[in-house]
Amino acid sequence: QVQLVESGGGLVQPGGSLRLSCAASGSISSIYAMGWYRRAPGQQRVLVAAITSGGSTNYADFVKGRCTISRDNSKNTVTLQMNSLKPAGTDVYFCNADGRTRLGPEYGNWGQGRQIPVSS
């Protein structure tokens, strides 16, 4: 099984920056795509950014130009750097990854989520 553990974040002021990291562990032979999703209060979880094992990236329109996703394939980690955060309630950011273990491919693995309040 692929386990995902998120770290980073905390209270962010409007206009501030956010940096989140996620590490995948388990009986992993390879990690395919990794990404970050966000769930705003009362809303569904939506994609923020994703990155393939080859480094191709995809960003949601609402973060383009102020967000960078990167990964370290040797460590099975993915990092999200987001700038100019807008005032909001407490959003929850989730790490997501698809990978392969000794048991076969595993898709749709999720971390526990990190609560990120954006408030002054």
C-alpha atoms as a PDB file:
ATOM      1  CA  GLN A   1       0.000   0.000   0.000  1.00  0.00           C
ATOM      2  CA  VAL A   2       1.119   3.543  -0.693  1.00  0.00           C
ATOM      3  CA  GLN A   3       1.052   5.777   2.370  1.00  0.00           C
ATOM      4  CA  LEU A   4       1.222   9.537   1.977  1.00  0.00           C
ATOM      5  CA  VAL A   5       2.294  11.863   4.771  1.00  0.00           C
ATOM      6  CA  GLU A   6       1.909  15.613   4.342  1.00  0.00           C
ATOM      7  CA  SER A   7       3.864  18.293   6.167  1.00  0.00           C
ATOM      8  CA  GLY A   8       4.259  22.031   6.159  1.00  0.00           C
ATOM      9  CA  GLY A   9       1.780  24.838   6.030  1.00  0.00           C
ATOM     10  CA  GLY A  10       0.078  26.472   8.978  1.00  0.00           C
ATOM     11  CA  LEU A  11      -1.594  29.820   9.370  1.00  0.00           C
ATOM     12  CA  VAL A  12      -0.999  32.003   6.317  1.00  0.00           C
ATOM     13  CA  GLN A  13      -1.770  35.691   6.022  1.00  0.00           C
ATOM     14  CA  PRO A  14      -3.526  36.955   2.906  1.00  0.00           C
ATOM     15  CA  GLY A  15      -0.902  37.575   0.271  1.00  0.00           C
ATOM     16  CA  GLY A  16       1.486  35.196   1.976  1.00  0.00           C
ATOM     17  CA  SER A  17       3.034  31.951   0.817  1.00  0.00           C
ATOM     18  CA  LEU A  18       2.418  28.304   1.472  1.00  0.00           C
ATOM     19  CA  ARG A  19       4.787  25.391   1.169  1.00  0.00           C
ATOM     20  CA  LEU A  20       3.590  21.839   1.555  1.00  0.00           C
ATOM     21  CA  SER A  21       5.482  18.606   1.205  1.00  0.00           C
ATOM     22  CA  CYS A  22       4.297  15.044   0.876  1.00  0.00           C
ATOM     23  CA  ALA A  23       6.281  11.845   1.209  1.00  0.00           C
ATOM     24  CA  ALA A  24       5.151   8.509  -0.132  1.00  0.00           C
ATOM     25  CA  SER A  25       6.149   5.343   1.641  1.00  0.00           C
ATOM     26  CA  GLY A  26       5.325   1.654   1.634  1.00  0.00           C
ATOM     27  CA  SER A  27       6.353  -1.236  -0.538  1.00  0.00           C
ATOM     28  CA  ILE A  28       6.750   1.103  -3.489  1.00  0.00           C
ATOM     29  CA  SER A  29       8.402   0.120  -6.704  1.00  0.00           C
ATOM     30  CA  SER A  30       7.439   3.314  -8.520  1.00  0.00           C
ATOM     31  CA  ILE A  31       5.303   6.425  -8.122  1.00  0.00           C
ATOM     32  CA  TYR A  32       3.432   7.700 -11.133  1.00  0.00           C
ATOM     33  CA  ALA A  33       1.609  11.020 -10.948  1.00  0.00           C
ATOM     34  CA  MET A  34       1.569  13.027  -7.730  1.00  0.00           C
ATOM     35  CA  GLY A  35      -0.571  16.000  -6.987  1.00  0.00           C
ATOM     36  CA  TRP A  36      -2.228  18.335  -4.540  1.00  0.00           C
ATOM     37  CA  TYR A  37      -5.921  18.919  -4.111  1.00  0.00           C
ATOM     38  CA  ARG A  38      -7.743  21.504  -2.097  1.00  0.00           C
ATOM     39  CA  ARG A  39     -11.095  21.431  -0.353  1.00  0.00           C
ATOM     40  CA  ALA A  40     -12.517  24.785   0.608  1.00  0.00           C
ATOM     41  CA  PRO A  41     -15.204  24.965   3.321  1.00  0.00           C
ATOM     42  CA  GLY A  42     -18.458  23.593   1.999  1.00  0.00           C
ATOM     43  CA  GLN A  43     -16.989  22.666  -1.375  1.00  0.00           C
ATOM     44  CA  GLN A  44     -15.702  19.560  -3.082  1.00  0.00           C
ATOM     45  CA  ARG A  45     -12.069  18.669  -3.353  1.00  0.00           C
ATOM     46  CA  VAL A  46     -10.482  20.071  -6.515  1.00  0.00           C
ATOM     47  CA  LEU A  47      -7.141  19.697  -8.202  1.00  0.00           C
ATOM     48  CA  VAL A  48      -4.565  22.378  -7.456  1.00  0.00           C
ATOM     49  CA  ALA A  49      -1.562  20.972  -9.282  1.00  0.00           C
ATOM     50  CA  ALA A  50      -0.178  17.667 -10.478  1.00  0.00           C
ATOM     51  CA  ILE A  51       3.133  16.383 -11.751  1.00  0.00           C
ATOM     52  CA  THR A  52       4.057  13.226 -13.624  1.00  0.00           C
ATOM     53  CA  SER A  53       7.101  11.102 -12.943  1.00  0.00           C
ATOM     54  CA  GLY A  54       8.689  12.734 -15.966  1.00  0.00           C
ATOM     55  CA  GLY A  55       8.149  16.219 -14.578  1.00  0.00           C
ATOM     56  CA  SER A  56       5.204  17.383 -16.683  1.00  0.00           C
ATOM     57  CA  THR A  57       2.976  19.661 -14.669  1.00  0.00           C
ATOM     58  CA  ASN A  58      -0.648  20.675 -14.696  1.00  0.00           C
ATOM     59  CA  TYR A  59      -2.097  23.592 -12.737  1.00  0.00           C
ATOM     60  CA  ALA A  60      -5.631  24.642 -11.978  1.00  0.00           C
ATOM     61  CA  ASP A  61      -6.549  27.969 -13.528  1.00  0.00           C
ATOM     62  CA  PHE A  62      -7.028  29.572 -10.110  1.00  0.00           C
ATOM     63  CA  VAL A  63      -3.351  29.047  -9.187  1.00  0.00           C
ATOM     64  CA  LYS A  64      -1.588  29.551 -12.505  1.00  0.00           C
ATOM     65  CA  GLY A  65       1.257  31.997 -12.209  1.00  0.00           C
ATOM     66  CA  ARG A  66       1.543  31.775  -8.436  1.00  0.00           C
ATOM     67  CA  CYS A  67       2.073  28.087  -7.821  1.00  0.00           C
ATOM     68  CA  THR A  68       4.882  25.606  -8.398  1.00  0.00           C
ATOM     69  CA  ILE A  69       4.760  21.863  -7.945  1.00  0.00           C
ATOM     70  CA  SER A  70       7.938  19.827  -7.904  1.00  0.00           C
ATOM     71  CA  ARG A  71       8.990  16.329  -6.965  1.00  0.00           C
ATOM     72  CA  ASP A  72      12.022  14.301  -6.029  1.00  0.00           C
ATOM     73  CA  ASN A  73      11.685  10.878  -7.578  1.00  0.00           C
ATOM     74  CA  SER A  74      14.598   9.501  -5.584  1.00  0.00           C
ATOM     75  CA  LYS A  75      12.740  10.283  -2.343  1.00  0.00           C
ATOM     76  CA  ASN A  76       9.153   9.864  -3.586  1.00  0.00           C
ATOM     77  CA  THR A  77       8.272  13.333  -2.405  1.00  0.00           C
ATOM     78  CA  VAL A  78       6.228  16.138  -3.913  1.00  0.00           C
ATOM     79  CA  THR A  79       6.255  19.783  -2.898  1.00  0.00           C
ATOM     80  CA  LEU A  80       3.749  22.548  -3.497  1.00  0.00           C
ATOM     81  CA  GLN A  81       4.780  26.184  -3.296  1.00  0.00           C
ATOM     82  CA  MET A  82       1.954  28.680  -3.564  1.00  0.00           C
ATOM     83  CA  ASN A  83       2.247  32.453  -3.343  1.00  0.00           C
ATOM     84  CA  SER A  84      -0.197  35.318  -2.998  1.00  0.00           C
ATOM     85  CA  LEU A  85      -2.777  33.351  -1.084  1.00  0.00           C
ATOM     86  CA  LYS A  86      -6.192  34.918  -1.041  1.00  0.00           C
ATOM     87  CA  PRO A  87      -8.297  35.463   2.061  1.00  0.00           C
ATOM     88  CA  ALA A  88     -10.388  32.405   2.778  1.00  0.00           C
ATOM     89  CA  GLY A  89     -11.573  30.219   5.578  1.00  0.00           C
ATOM     90  CA  THR A  90      -9.621  27.103   6.378  1.00  0.00           C
ATOM     91  CA  ASP A  91      -8.873  25.124   3.275  1.00  0.00           C
ATOM     92  CA  VAL A  92      -7.659  21.555   3.501  1.00  0.00           C
ATOM     93  CA  TYR A  93      -4.893  20.429   1.157  1.00  0.00           C
ATOM     94  CA  PHE A  94      -4.544  16.772   0.257  1.00  0.00           C
ATOM     95  CA  CYS A  95      -1.662  14.952  -1.329  1.00  0.00           C
ATOM     96  CA  ASN A  96      -2.543  12.392  -3.971  1.00  0.00           C
ATOM     97  CA  ALA A  97      -0.415   9.804  -5.707  1.00  0.00           C
ATOM     98  CA  ASP A  98      -0.683   6.854  -8.041  1.00  0.00           C
ATOM     99  CA  GLY A  99       1.975   4.197  -7.804  1.00  0.00           C
ATOM    100  CA  ARG A 100       2.973   0.606  -7.998  1.00  0.00           C
ATOM    101  CA  THR A 101       3.777  -1.704  -5.121  1.00  0.00           C
ATOM    102  CA  ARG A 102       4.772  -5.339  -5.045  1.00  0.00           C
ATOM    103  CA  LEU A 103       1.055  -6.123  -5.136  1.00  0.00           C
ATOM    104  CA  GLY A 104       0.494  -4.170  -8.321  1.00  0.00           C
ATOM    105  CA  PRO A 105      -0.673  -0.679  -9.306  1.00  0.00           C
ATOM    106  CA  GLU A 106      -2.486   1.461  -6.764  1.00  0.00           C
ATOM    107  CA  TYR A 107      -4.406   4.505  -7.857  1.00  0.00           C
ATOM    108  CA  GLY A 108      -6.020   7.282  -5.890  1.00  0.00           C
ATOM    109  CA  ASN A 109      -3.957   7.217  -2.717  1.00  0.00           C
ATOM    110  CA  TRP A 110      -4.639  10.137  -0.393  1.00  0.00           C
ATOM    111  CA  GLY A 111      -2.893  11.779   2.502  1.00  0.00           C
ATOM    112  CA  GLN A 112      -4.702  12.826   5.669  1.00  0.00           C
ATOM    113  CA  GLY A 113      -4.903  16.454   4.611  1.00  0.00           C
ATOM    114  CA  ARG A 114      -3.404  19.653   5.999  1.00  0.00           C
ATOM    115  CA  GLN A 115      -5.637  22.429   7.261  1.00  0.00           C
ATOM    116  CA  ILE A 116      -4.422  25.783   6.027  1.00  0.00           C
ATOM    117  CA  PRO A 117      -6.200  28.825   7.425  1.00  0.00           C
ATOM    118  CA  VAL A 118      -5.700  32.012   5.439  1.00  0.00           C
ATOM    119  CA  SER A 119      -6.475  34.897   7.709  1.00  0.00           C
ATOM    120  CA  SER A 120      -5.029  38.085   9.049  1.00  0.00           C
END
